Amino acid sequence: MNNKSLQVGGSIEKAVSGQSELQAVSVLQEAWKVTAKHFLTFFPAVAGWFLAQMALLLLALKVQLGDPNIFFNAFISGEGLTPEVVQAGVMANFWAEVLSAPLFAGVSLMALNHAVGLPTKPRHLVKGFPFAVVSAVTVLLTSSLQGVGNVLFPILGLFLAMAFSMTITLVCEKRVSPLKAIQYSTVATFRKILPMSAIFIVVLILFFLSFATFGLGLIWTIPFFFNVKAIIYRNLFGITLQVTTVRKNGEDDNDDLDNDKENHNKEEDTKVFNA
């Protein structure tokens, strides 16, 4: 067996220097097609992450308020929306994001598969579990910084949300530290601020439209969002694939390409991106 590495897309060096290619229209078009292609296998995993985060949110509200309905009733009616209730909602959302970070990482890694044309299955959601600690620390740092940005200036908070969008994928795929991931993601975003802003504005519009349909549009918008981020990541930082070639007895190196094609067909159901 021969193991070979294949780099698809950009690199960290290109991303931080602004040399990577990123075109808003092409990213959105590709993400739309990828989402349609993998929707049936990707949506169950996205739904699993989303439901887990909602369950953690309700648990955190129950711990703080005794009854999660206190927050939701106050939020909907506007009555009883005291600073304490608002603070409880903010903290509940914060810890729900941190504790569900491994599942968020799993969905992000599945989207990386799609970005390089590899299939996924719903059970691949657990691919983020080996990165549980580092992903939770990363979300803890980025959410804290975004919170400070929102307090100081809401537009700054939105920029930080966009700038930190690649951090989880960087710590899982490139194996860099959370602080390095924040640095690389922020610099790369700043270098491509115009196409990145255009892409995220379109995604924000889709989220607003999804809420206008009583949340039904989220069934498509959330998977689309993850695929958008994966394609951006591929174009900016690149994705390293590990290709395994099995050589039969009596074959030489010239037969490797033929074997690659055969093995791809045989392993298509089990070949999964492994960060």
Protein backbone atom coordinates (compact mmCIF):
# COMPACT_ATOMS: atom_id res chain seq x y z
CA MET A 1 0.00 0.00 0.00
CA ASN A 2 1.26 3.46 -0.92
CA ASN A 3 0.00 6.59 0.86
CA LYS A 4 0.15 9.86 -1.02
CA SER A 5 -0.94 13.34 0.03
CA LEU A 6 -2.90 15.53 -2.34
CA GLN A 7 -3.50 19.24 -1.71
CA VAL A 8 -6.74 20.63 -3.13
CA GLY A 9 -7.22 24.39 -3.26
CA GLY A 10 -5.14 27.06 -1.54
CA SER A 11 -2.81 27.00 1.46
CA ILE A 12 -2.26 28.88 4.71
CA GLU A 13 0.55 30.87 3.11
CA LYS A 14 -1.63 31.92 0.18
CA ALA A 15 -4.59 32.69 2.43
CA VAL A 16 -2.74 35.03 4.81
CA SER A 17 -0.97 36.78 1.92
CA GLY A 18 -4.18 37.27 -0.06
CA GLN A 19 -3.02 35.18 -3.05
CA SER A 20 -5.87 32.64 -2.88
CA GLU A 21 -8.68 32.87 -5.41
CA LEU A 22 -12.16 33.61 -4.06
CA GLN A 23 -15.10 34.62 -6.22
CA ALA A 24 -18.42 35.16 -4.48
CA VAL A 25 -20.70 34.09 -7.33
CA SER A 26 -18.83 30.87 -8.09
CA VAL A 27 -18.72 29.91 -4.39
CA LEU A 28 -22.47 30.40 -3.98
CA GLN A 29 -23.27 28.54 -7.19
CA GLU A 30 -21.07 25.58 -6.27
CA ALA A 31 -22.44 25.46 -2.72
CA TRP A 32 -26.00 25.40 -4.05
CA LYS A 33 -25.23 22.44 -6.33
CA VAL A 34 -23.29 20.61 -3.60
CA THR A 35 -26.12 21.09 -1.10
CA ALA A 36 -28.63 19.66 -3.57
CA LYS A 37 -26.37 16.68 -4.32
CA HIS A 38 -25.71 15.71 -0.69
CA PHE A 39 -28.88 17.02 0.96
CA LEU A 40 -30.45 13.66 1.88
CA THR A 41 -27.34 12.42 3.68
CA PHE A 42 -26.20 15.78 5.07
CA PHE A 43 -29.44 17.16 6.50
CA PRO A 44 -29.90 14.40 9.15
CA ALA A 45 -26.44 15.21 10.55
CA VAL A 46 -27.16 18.96 10.53
CA ALA A 47 -30.50 18.29 12.24
CA GLY A 48 -28.73 16.17 14.88
CA TRP A 49 -26.33 19.00 15.69
CA PHE A 50 -29.13 21.58 15.74
CA LEU A 51 -31.38 19.52 18.03
CA ALA A 52 -28.47 18.80 20.38
CA GLN A 53 -27.72 22.51 20.64
CA MET A 54 -31.40 23.31 21.30
CA ALA A 55 -31.52 20.66 24.02
CA LEU A 56 -28.44 22.16 25.68
CA LEU A 57 -29.99 25.63 25.40
CA LEU A 58 -33.17 24.48 27.14
CA LEU A 59 -31.14 22.73 29.83
CA ALA A 60 -29.08 25.87 30.50
CA LEU A 61 -32.25 28.01 30.70
CA LYS A 62 -33.81 25.53 33.12
CA VAL A 63 -30.74 25.62 35.37
CA GLN A 64 -30.75 29.44 35.44
CA LEU A 65 -34.46 30.27 35.43
CA GLY A 66 -36.12 27.08 36.63
CA ASP A 67 -38.40 27.05 33.60
CA PRO A 68 -37.27 27.74 29.99
CA ASN A 69 -40.76 29.09 29.19
CA ILE A 70 -40.01 32.15 31.32
CA PHE A 71 -37.45 33.28 28.75
CA PHE A 72 -39.49 32.41 25.67
CA ASN A 73 -42.71 33.98 26.97
CA ALA A 74 -40.85 37.15 27.93
CA PHE A 75 -39.10 37.25 24.55
CA ILE A 76 -42.32 36.80 22.58
CA SER A 77 -44.61 39.08 24.60
CA GLY A 78 -42.01 41.62 25.67
CA GLU A 79 -43.37 41.50 29.22
CA GLY A 80 -41.03 40.47 31.98
CA LEU A 81 -37.98 40.78 29.73
CA THR A 82 -35.73 41.89 32.58
CA PRO A 83 -31.93 42.21 32.35
CA GLU A 84 -31.66 39.00 34.35
CA VAL A 85 -33.78 37.08 31.84
CA VAL A 86 -31.83 38.51 28.90
CA GLN A 87 -28.53 37.62 30.59
CA ALA A 88 -29.78 34.08 31.21
CA GLY A 89 -30.63 33.72 27.51
CA VAL A 90 -27.21 35.00 26.45
CA MET A 91 -25.35 32.68 28.81
CA ALA A 92 -27.52 29.70 27.87
CA ASN A 93 -26.80 30.25 24.18
CA PHE A 94 -23.10 30.70 24.91
CA TRP A 95 -22.73 27.40 26.78
CA ALA A 96 -24.94 25.55 24.31
CA GLU A 97 -22.55 26.59 21.53
CA VAL A 98 -19.48 25.57 23.53
CA LEU A 99 -20.81 22.17 24.59
CA SER A 100 -22.13 21.32 21.11
CA ALA A 101 -18.80 22.29 19.50
CA PRO A 102 -17.74 18.66 18.76
CA LEU A 103 -20.92 18.12 16.73
CA PHE A 104 -20.39 21.47 15.00
CA ALA A 105 -16.88 20.28 14.09
CA GLY A 106 -18.31 17.01 12.77
CA VAL A 107 -20.75 18.82 10.48
CA SER A 108 -17.94 21.13 9.29
CA LEU A 109 -15.73 18.15 8.45
CA MET A 110 -18.59 16.52 6.54
CA ALA A 111 -18.92 19.70 4.51
CA LEU A 112 -15.19 19.47 3.70
CA ASN A 113 -15.92 16.09 2.15
CA HIS A 114 -18.49 17.70 -0.11
CA ALA A 115 -16.07 20.46 -1.09
CA VAL A 116 -13.67 17.87 -2.56
CA GLY A 117 -16.34 15.64 -4.08
CA LEU A 118 -16.37 12.90 -1.43
CA PRO A 119 -19.60 11.39 -0.06
CA THR A 120 -20.78 11.49 3.54
CA LYS A 121 -23.22 9.58 5.74
CA PRO A 122 -25.25 10.86 8.71
CA ARG A 123 -23.15 8.85 11.17
CA HIS A 124 -20.08 10.85 10.16
CA LEU A 125 -21.41 13.56 12.48
CA VAL A 126 -19.26 11.97 15.22
CA LYS A 127 -16.08 12.69 13.22
CA GLY A 128 -15.73 15.79 15.38
CA PHE A 129 -15.51 13.86 18.68
CA PRO A 130 -11.70 13.36 18.51
CA PHE A 131 -11.47 17.18 18.49
CA ALA A 132 -13.92 17.68 21.37
CA VAL A 133 -11.59 19.60 23.68
CA VAL A 134 -9.87 21.78 21.09
CA SER A 135 -13.16 22.58 19.33
CA ALA A 136 -14.82 23.54 22.63
CA VAL A 137 -11.87 25.79 23.54
CA THR A 138 -12.00 27.38 20.07
CA VAL A 139 -15.73 28.12 20.34
CA LEU A 140 -15.20 29.43 23.88
CA LEU A 141 -12.61 31.92 22.63
CA THR A 142 -14.41 33.00 19.45
CA SER A 143 -17.83 33.35 21.13
CA SER A 144 -16.29 35.42 23.93
CA LEU A 145 -14.58 37.74 21.46
CA GLN A 146 -17.77 38.06 19.40
CA GLY A 147 -19.70 38.90 22.57
CA VAL A 148 -17.27 41.69 23.40
CA GLY A 149 -17.51 42.94 19.82
CA ASN A 150 -21.31 43.01 19.97
CA VAL A 151 -21.22 45.02 23.19
CA LEU A 152 -18.75 47.55 21.79
CA PHE A 153 -20.22 47.86 18.30
CA PRO A 154 -22.73 45.47 16.67
CA ILE A 155 -21.10 45.76 13.23
CA LEU A 156 -17.80 44.66 14.81
CA GLY A 157 -19.56 41.60 16.19
CA LEU A 158 -20.83 40.70 12.70
CA PHE A 159 -17.34 41.12 11.25
CA LEU A 160 -15.85 38.90 13.94
CA ALA A 161 -18.49 36.23 13.27
CA MET A 162 -17.42 36.24 9.60
CA ALA A 163 -13.70 36.46 10.44
CA PHE A 164 -13.85 33.48 12.83
CA SER A 165 -15.91 31.27 10.50
CA MET A 166 -12.88 29.16 9.48
CA THR A 167 -11.42 28.61 12.96
CA ILE A 168 -13.04 25.26 13.82
CA THR A 169 -12.08 23.79 10.46
CA LEU A 170 -8.51 25.03 10.80
CA VAL A 171 -7.96 23.42 14.21
CA CYS A 172 -9.41 20.12 12.95
CA GLU A 173 -7.97 19.92 9.43
CA LYS A 174 -4.67 21.81 9.81
CA ARG A 175 -4.13 20.82 13.46
CA VAL A 176 -3.20 24.36 14.48
CA SER A 177 -3.85 25.85 17.91
CA PRO A 178 -7.09 27.82 18.53
CA LEU A 179 -5.17 31.10 18.75
CA LYS A 180 -3.36 30.39 15.47
CA ALA A 181 -6.66 29.43 13.85
CA ILE A 182 -8.20 32.73 14.97
CA GLN A 183 -5.20 34.61 13.58
CA TYR A 184 -5.19 32.82 10.22
CA SER A 185 -8.95 33.04 9.75
CA THR A 186 -9.08 36.75 10.62
CA VAL A 187 -6.15 37.71 8.37
CA ALA A 188 -7.48 35.62 5.45
CA THR A 189 -10.93 37.22 5.83
CA PHE A 190 -9.45 40.72 5.90
CA ARG A 191 -7.44 39.95 2.73
CA LYS A 192 -10.64 38.89 0.94
CA ILE A 193 -13.05 41.23 2.70
CA LEU A 194 -15.11 42.14 -0.38
CA PRO A 195 -15.97 38.64 -1.68
CA MET A 196 -16.35 37.33 1.88
CA SER A 197 -18.76 40.14 2.74
CA ALA A 198 -20.77 39.54 -0.43
CA ILE A 199 -21.06 35.82 0.34
CA PHE A 200 -22.10 36.31 3.96
CA ILE A 201 -24.62 39.02 3.08
CA VAL A 202 -26.34 36.57 0.72
CA VAL A 203 -26.31 33.91 3.45
CA LEU A 204 -27.77 36.38 5.98
CA ILE A 205 -30.56 37.25 3.55
CA LEU A 206 -31.33 33.55 3.17
CA PHE A 207 -31.52 33.18 6.96
CA PHE A 208 -33.92 36.13 7.22
CA LEU A 209 -36.08 34.63 4.49
CA SER A 210 -35.98 31.28 6.29
CA PHE A 211 -37.32 32.83 9.50
CA ALA A 212 -40.03 34.54 7.44
CA THR A 213 -41.23 31.05 6.45
CA PHE A 214 -41.61 30.12 10.15
CA GLY A 215 -38.20 28.43 10.09
CA LEU A 216 -38.97 25.95 7.31
CA GLY A 217 -36.32 27.52 5.08
CA LEU A 218 -33.65 26.59 7.62
CA ILE A 219 -33.95 23.00 6.38
CA TRP A 220 -32.05 24.16 3.28
CA THR A 221 -30.22 27.27 4.52
CA ILE A 222 -28.22 25.66 7.35
CA PRO A 223 -26.73 22.83 5.21
CA PHE A 224 -26.09 25.41 2.47
CA PHE A 225 -24.24 27.62 4.97
CA PHE A 226 -21.92 24.79 6.05
CA ASN A 227 -21.15 23.93 2.42
CA VAL A 228 -20.46 27.59 1.65
CA LYS A 229 -17.93 27.74 4.48
CA ALA A 230 -16.28 24.51 3.33
CA ILE A 231 -15.83 25.78 -0.22
CA ILE A 232 -14.44 29.08 1.05
CA TYR A 233 -12.04 27.12 3.27
CA ARG A 234 -10.93 24.93 0.36
CA ASN A 235 -10.25 27.95 -1.85
CA LEU A 236 -8.39 29.88 0.84
CA PHE A 237 -6.53 27.30 2.94
CA GLY A 238 -6.74 24.13 0.87
CA ILE A 239 -7.66 20.61 1.95
CA THR A 240 -5.11 17.81 2.27
CA LEU A 241 -6.34 14.41 1.11
CA GLN A 242 -4.67 11.11 1.92
CA VAL A 243 -4.82 8.80 -1.11
CA THR A 244 -4.06 5.11 -0.56
CA THR A 245 -2.95 3.02 -3.56
CA VAL A 246 -3.04 -0.79 -3.31
CA ARG A 247 -0.51 -2.48 -5.58
CA LYS A 248 -1.06 -6.07 -6.67
CA ASN A 249 1.78 -8.54 -7.02
CA GLY A 250 3.71 -8.11 -10.24
CA GLU A 251 2.59 -4.54 -10.84
CA ASP A 252 4.96 -1.60 -10.99
CA ASP A 253 4.56 2.12 -10.33
CA ASN A 254 3.15 2.70 -13.82
CA ASP A 255 0.02 0.80 -12.80
CA ASP A 256 -0.73 3.04 -9.80
CA LEU A 257 -3.09 5.31 -11.70
CA ASP A 258 -5.23 2.40 -12.89
CA ASN A 259 -5.33 1.03 -9.35
CA ASP A 260 -6.38 4.44 -8.01
CA LYS A 261 -9.40 4.43 -10.33
CA GLU A 262 -10.37 0.89 -9.36
CA ASN A 263 -9.92 1.51 -5.66
CA HIS A 264 -11.94 4.72 -5.80
CA ASN A 265 -14.89 2.80 -7.19
CA LYS A 266 -14.54 0.06 -4.57
CA GLU A 267 -14.02 2.43 -1.64
CA GLU A 268 -16.50 5.12 -2.62
CA ASP A 269 -18.90 4.13 0.16
CA THR A 270 -16.25 4.13 2.89
CA LYS A 271 -13.81 6.82 1.81
CA VAL A 272 -14.25 9.70 4.25
CA PHE A 273 -12.13 12.78 4.79
CA ASN A 274 -10.17 12.24 7.99
CA ALA A 275 -8.66 15.38 9.42
